[in-house]
Every structure is written in structure tokens, then in C-alpha cells.
C-alpha atoms as a PDB file:
ATOM      1  CA  MET A   1      -1.382  23.740  30.879  1.00  0.00           C
ATOM      2  CA  ALA A   2       0.776  20.641  30.315  1.00  0.00           C
ATOM      3  CA  GLU A   3      -1.933  19.109  28.137  1.00  0.00           C
ATOM      4  CA  ASN A   4      -2.044  22.253  26.014  1.00  0.00           C
ATOM      5  CA  ILE A   5       1.751  22.032  25.419  1.00  0.00           C
ATOM      6  CA  LEU A   6       1.415  18.298  24.476  1.00  0.00           C
ATOM      7  CA  TYR A   7      -1.408  19.181  22.092  1.00  0.00           C
ATOM      8  CA  ASN A   8       0.560  21.979  20.424  1.00  0.00           C
ATOM      9  CA  THR A   9       3.762  19.865  20.251  1.00  0.00           C
ATOM     10  CA  ALA A  10       1.891  16.970  18.747  1.00  0.00           C
ATOM     11  CA  LEU A  11       0.164  19.171  16.210  1.00  0.00           C
ATOM     12  CA  ASN A  12       3.492  20.690  15.120  1.00  0.00           C
ATOM     13  CA  LYS A  13       5.205  17.328  14.939  1.00  0.00           C
ATOM     14  CA  ALA A  14       2.352  15.849  12.933  1.00  0.00           C
ATOM     15  CA  MET A  15       2.404  18.867  10.509  1.00  0.00           C
ATOM     16  CA  ALA A  16       6.116  18.454   9.978  1.00  0.00           C
ATOM     17  CA  ILE A  17       5.739  14.706   9.345  1.00  0.00           C
ATOM     18  CA  CYS A  18       2.900  15.261   6.829  1.00  0.00           C
ATOM     19  CA  ALA A  19       4.784  18.044   5.092  1.00  0.00           C
ATOM     20  CA  GLY A  20       7.635  15.593   4.556  1.00  0.00           C
ATOM     21  CA  ARG A  21       5.677  12.834   3.011  1.00  0.00           C
ATOM     22  CA  GLU A  22       2.225  11.494   2.308  1.00  0.00           C
ATOM     23  CA  MET A  23       0.489  10.008   5.376  1.00  0.00           C
ATOM     24  CA  CYS A  24      -3.032   8.831   6.012  1.00  0.00           C
ATOM     25  CA  ASN A  25      -5.403   9.381   8.947  1.00  0.00           C
ATOM     26  CA  SER A  26      -4.649   6.012  10.583  1.00  0.00           C
ATOM     27  CA  ASP A  27      -0.853   6.466  10.436  1.00  0.00           C
ATOM     28  CA  ILE A  28      -0.963   9.855  12.123  1.00  0.00           C
ATOM     29  CA  ASN A  29      -3.598   8.729  14.559  1.00  0.00           C
ATOM     30  CA  GLN A  30      -1.297   5.829  15.700  1.00  0.00           C
ATOM     31  CA  LYS A  31       1.598   8.328  16.145  1.00  0.00           C
ATOM     32  CA  LEU A  32      -0.598  10.741  18.171  1.00  0.00           C
ATOM     33  CA  ILE A  33      -1.802   7.986  20.407  1.00  0.00           C
ATOM     34  CA  SER A  34       1.806   6.699  20.831  1.00  0.00           C
ATOM     35  CA  TRP A  35       2.883  10.220  21.865  1.00  0.00           C
ATOM     36  CA  GLY A  36       0.211  10.211  24.617  1.00  0.00           C
ATOM     37  CA  VAL A  37      -2.275  12.501  23.034  1.00  0.00           C
ATOM     38  CA  LYS A  38      -5.863  12.012  24.269  1.00  0.00           C
ATOM     39  CA  VAL A  39      -8.416  10.547  21.726  1.00  0.00           C
ATOM     40  CA  ASP A  40     -10.480  13.799  21.639  1.00  0.00           C
ATOM     41  CA  ASP A  41      -7.282  15.871  21.006  1.00  0.00           C
ATOM     42  CA  ALA A  42      -6.090  13.406  18.369  1.00  0.00           C
ATOM     43  CA  ASP A  43      -9.387  13.756  16.533  1.00  0.00           C
ATOM     44  CA  LYS A  44      -9.111  17.540  16.601  1.00  0.00           C
ATOM     45  CA  ILE A  45      -5.499  17.409  15.321  1.00  0.00           C
ATOM     46  CA  LEU A  46      -6.562  15.011  12.469  1.00  0.00           C
ATOM     47  CA  ASP A  47      -9.382  17.375  11.502  1.00  0.00           C
ATOM     48  CA  LEU A  48      -7.004  20.385  11.388  1.00  0.00           C
ATOM     49  CA  LEU A  49      -4.462  18.429   9.286  1.00  0.00           C
ATOM     50  CA  THR A  50      -7.167  17.352   6.867  1.00  0.00           C
ATOM     51  CA  GLN A  51      -8.627  20.890   6.568  1.00  0.00           C
ATOM     52  CA  GLY A  52      -5.126  22.279   5.998  1.00  0.00           C
ATOM     53  CA  LYS A  53      -4.531  19.668   3.269  1.00  0.00           C
ATOM     54  CA  PHE A  54      -1.574  18.115   5.237  1.00  0.00           C
ATOM     55  CA  ILE A  55      -3.511  14.890   5.024  1.00  0.00           C
ATOM     56  CA  ASP A  56      -5.466  13.953   1.934  1.00  0.00           C
ATOM     57  CA  GLU A  57      -6.610  10.263   1.843  1.00  0.00           C
ATOM     58  CA  GLU A  58      -7.161  10.205  -1.828  1.00  0.00           C
ATOM     59  CA  ARG A  59      -3.749  11.750  -2.624  1.00  0.00           C
ATOM     60  CA  TYR A  60      -2.113   9.339  -0.159  1.00  0.00           C
ATOM     61  CA  THR A  61      -3.934   6.317  -1.774  1.00  0.00           C
ATOM     62  CA  VAL A  62      -2.825   7.158  -5.262  1.00  0.00           C
ATOM     63  CA  ALA A  63       0.812   7.631  -4.095  1.00  0.00           C
ATOM     64  CA  PHE A  64       0.688   4.422  -2.140  1.00  0.00           C
ATOM     65  CA  VAL A  65      -0.562   2.441  -5.094  1.00  0.00           C
ATOM     66  CA  LYS A  66       2.089   3.932  -7.374  1.00  0.00           C
ATOM     67  CA  ASP A  67       4.927   3.318  -5.005  1.00  0.00           C
ATOM     68  CA  LYS A  68       4.014  -0.232  -4.032  1.00  0.00           C
ATOM     69  CA  PHE A  69       3.505  -1.216  -7.716  1.00  0.00           C
ATOM     70  CA  ARG A  70       6.555   0.460  -9.064  1.00  0.00           C
ATOM     71  CA  TYR A  71       9.134  -0.039  -6.279  1.00  0.00           C
ATOM     72  CA  ASN A  72       7.931  -3.099  -4.324  1.00  0.00           C
ATOM     73  CA  LYS A  73       6.466  -4.842  -7.323  1.00  0.00           C
ATOM     74  CA  TRP A  74       3.265  -5.711  -5.551  1.00  0.00           C
ATOM     75  CA  GLY A  75       0.088  -6.883  -7.247  1.00  0.00           C
ATOM     76  CA  LYS A  76      -3.338  -5.283  -6.815  1.00  0.00           C
ATOM     77  CA  ILE A  77      -4.551  -7.796  -4.125  1.00  0.00           C
ATOM     78  CA  LYS A  78      -1.612  -7.076  -1.798  1.00  0.00           C
ATOM     79  CA  ILE A  79      -1.867  -3.298  -2.380  1.00  0.00           C
ATOM     80  CA  GLY A  80      -5.589  -3.335  -1.672  1.00  0.00           C
ATOM     81  CA  ALA A  81      -5.182  -5.398   1.418  1.00  0.00           C
ATOM     82  CA  ALA A  82      -2.443  -3.053   2.798  1.00  0.00           C
ATOM     83  CA  LEU A  83      -4.722  -0.037   2.186  1.00  0.00           C
ATOM     84  CA  ARG A  84      -7.697  -1.742   3.872  1.00  0.00           C
ATOM     85  CA  MET A  85      -5.512  -2.269   6.945  1.00  0.00           C
ATOM     86  CA  LYS A  86      -4.924   1.547   7.019  1.00  0.00           C
ATOM     87  CA  ARG A  87      -8.750   1.929   6.936  1.00  0.00           C
ATOM     88  CA  ILE A  88      -8.855   3.604   3.524  1.00  0.00           C
ATOM     89  CA  PRO A  89     -12.449   3.415   1.990  1.00  0.00           C
ATOM     90  CA  ASP A  90     -12.990   0.592  -0.598  1.00  0.00           C
ATOM     91  CA  GLU A  91     -14.213   3.057  -3.223  1.00  0.00           C
ATOM     92  CA  MET A  92     -11.025   5.085  -2.914  1.00  0.00           C
ATOM     93  CA  ILE A  93      -8.921   1.963  -3.198  1.00  0.00           C
ATOM     94  CA  ARG A  94     -10.737   0.760  -6.257  1.00  0.00           C
ATOM     95  CA  LYS A  95     -10.258   4.070  -8.016  1.00  0.00           C
ATOM     96  CA  ALA A  96      -6.555   4.177  -7.160  1.00  0.00           C
ATOM     97  CA  LEU A  97      -5.932   0.590  -8.364  1.00  0.00           C
ATOM     98  CA  GLN A  98      -7.600   1.472 -11.651  1.00  0.00           C
ATOM     99  CA  SER A  99      -4.735   3.961 -12.251  1.00  0.00           C
ATOM    100  CA  ILE A 100      -2.325   1.080 -12.828  1.00  0.00           C
ATOM    101  CA  ASN A 101      -1.817   0.573 -16.516  1.00  0.00           C
ATOM    102  CA  ASP A 102      -2.934  -2.920 -17.512  1.00  0.00           C
ATOM    103  CA  ALA A 103      -0.114  -3.436 -19.985  1.00  0.00           C
ATOM    104  CA  GLU A 104       2.493  -2.407 -17.383  1.00  0.00           C
ATOM    105  CA  TYR A 105       0.885  -4.698 -14.834  1.00  0.00           C
ATOM    106  CA  LEU A 106       1.077  -7.680 -17.128  1.00  0.00           C
ATOM    107  CA  GLU A 107       4.659  -6.866 -18.011  1.00  0.00           C
ATOM    108  CA  LEU A 108       5.598  -6.645 -14.380  1.00  0.00           C
ATOM    109  CA  LEU A 109       4.052 -10.000 -13.703  1.00  0.00           C
ATOM    110  CA  LYS A 110       5.874 -11.515 -16.708  1.00  0.00           C
ATOM    111  CA  SER A 111       9.135 -10.153 -15.501  1.00  0.00           C
ATOM    112  CA  ILE A 112       8.648 -11.533 -12.023  1.00  0.00           C
ATOM    113  CA  ILE A 113       7.865 -14.939 -13.416  1.00  0.00           C
ATOM    114  CA  THR A 114      10.890 -14.895 -15.768  1.00  0.00           C
ATOM    115  CA  LYS A 115      13.291 -13.620 -12.956  1.00  0.00           C
ATOM    116  CA  HIS A 116      12.031 -16.150 -10.360  1.00  0.00           C
ATOM    117  CA  LYS A 117      12.144 -19.039 -12.876  1.00  0.00           C
ATOM    118  CA  LYS A 118      15.878 -18.687 -13.056  1.00  0.00           C
ATOM    119  CA  THR A 119      16.394 -19.207  -9.249  1.00  0.00           C
ATOM    120  CA  ILE A 120      14.036 -22.159  -8.828  1.00  0.00           C
ATOM    121  CA  LYS A 121      15.131 -25.741  -8.580  1.00  0.00           C
ATOM    122  CA  ALA A 122      12.161 -27.908  -9.652  1.00  0.00           C
ATOM    123  CA  LYS A 123      11.832 -31.646 -10.223  1.00  0.00           C
ATOM    124  CA  ASN A 124       9.427 -31.249 -13.083  1.00  0.00           C
ATOM    125  CA  GLN A 125       7.252 -28.769 -14.918  1.00  0.00           C
ATOM    126  CA  PHE A 126       4.320 -29.248 -12.437  1.00  0.00           C
ATOM    127  CA  ASP A 127       6.586 -28.468  -9.484  1.00  0.00           C
ATOM    128  CA  LEU A 128       7.954 -25.412 -11.304  1.00  0.00           C
ATOM    129  CA  LYS A 129       4.588 -23.982 -12.040  1.00  0.00           C
ATOM    130  CA  GLY A 130       3.472 -24.593  -8.418  1.00  0.00           C
ATOM    131  CA  LYS A 131       6.498 -22.676  -7.037  1.00  0.00           C
ATOM    132  CA  LEU A 132       5.974 -19.788  -9.500  1.00  0.00           C
ATOM    133  CA  LEU A 133       2.321 -19.717  -8.683  1.00  0.00           C
ATOM    134  CA  ARG A 134       2.943 -19.427  -4.976  1.00  0.00           C
ATOM    135  CA  HIS A 135       5.593 -16.769  -5.442  1.00  0.00           C
ATOM    136  CA  CYS A 136       3.372 -14.622  -7.601  1.00  0.00           C
ATOM    137  CA  LEU A 137       0.402 -15.044  -5.206  1.00  0.00           C
ATOM    138  CA  SER A 138       2.632 -13.930  -2.286  1.00  0.00           C
ATOM    139  CA  LYS A 139       3.393 -10.780  -4.333  1.00  0.00           C
ATOM    140  CA  GLY A 140      -0.346 -10.129  -4.531  1.00  0.00           C
ATOM    141  CA  PHE A 141      -1.216 -10.918  -8.191  1.00  0.00           C
ATOM    142  CA  GLU A 142      -4.535 -12.464  -9.244  1.00  0.00           C
ATOM    143  CA  SER A 143      -4.460 -16.235  -9.484  1.00  0.00           C
ATOM    144  CA  GLN A 144      -6.285 -16.274 -12.893  1.00  0.00           C
ATOM    145  CA  LEU A 145      -3.793 -13.888 -14.436  1.00  0.00           C
ATOM    146  CA  ILE A 146      -0.935 -16.069 -13.094  1.00  0.00           C
ATOM    147  CA  TYR A 147      -2.478 -19.232 -14.461  1.00  0.00           C
ATOM    148  CA  ASP A 148      -2.966 -17.733 -17.897  1.00  0.00           C
ATOM    149  CA  LEU A 149       0.636 -16.519 -18.105  1.00  0.00           C
ATOM    150  CA  LEU A 150       2.015 -19.831 -16.896  1.00  0.00           C
ATOM    151  CA  ASN A 151      -0.071 -21.846 -19.340  1.00  0.00           C
ATOM    152  CA  ASP A 152       0.835 -19.468 -22.186  1.00  0.00           C
ATOM    153  CA  ALA A 153       4.543 -19.986 -21.395  1.00  0.00           C
ATOM    154  CA  GLU A 154       4.323 -23.735 -22.239  1.00  0.00           C
END
């Protein structure tokens, strides 16, 4: 009886969370396990949430990509890595990353370089490029793209 109450409570809490914002299977699964829900029950709850469209991995992936790009100013590599950690399928990640406009992506990278350049104390041009490169790599941008922009800026 107590297990049934836990199951229903967990299902209702998970529905409320998913109704409030986009979540993926692995996020909800972690919450269910932390609430003490058995693995079998957690799987059933995840199935119900998916069937009821409370969880939609594709919708979540597109929203995640858009948010991390626009608000966190992350590059495609970092976004992809974060999604892989949440066990999102590679094909879904690839499709969602393609939704990023190439011109916007390049503009974001240029603005990050310009903004960061103002805060760097460098001994010479080589040192400046190295620091800018490391900063942009840490934001998840592709090295070849960064090299091209840094070399064009000369």
C-alpha cells in the first residue's frame, strides 16, 4: 500500500515538473530514483509521461540547444556533449544542432572574441591569440572556426 502511494505521488510530482518546463528521460529518472521509487516503477512512470507527451526528447533537445546557444552562449561542441551526458540519441542531437543559424553562430563567436579581447592582458599577439583560443574552446566552439576568425582579424 505504501509503495502504491509513493508511486502515485512520484507520478504526480513528475507530471507537475514536466508541465512546468521541458525535461528529458534521464533528468526525470534521476529525480524518481532520488525519491526512492523502484526502477520498475520509474520505468512505468517514464512510459506514462512519454505517452502523455509530458516528456518529448525531441522537443526537449531543440529547446535545450536554443537556450544554451542564446542565453549561455555555448558552441555546438559543448551543447552536444551536455546532451550526450543526458543520454539523448546522437541523431536527435545532430538534427537539433542543425537548427542553429550559421550566420548567428559566427556572429556570436565574433562577439565573444571581441568582448573577451578587451579583458585580456597579453604580452604579445601570440599570447593574445592563445588566450582567446582557449576561452572560445572552453565555450564549446570548433577550433577551426576559431582559428579562421583569429587569423582573419589580423
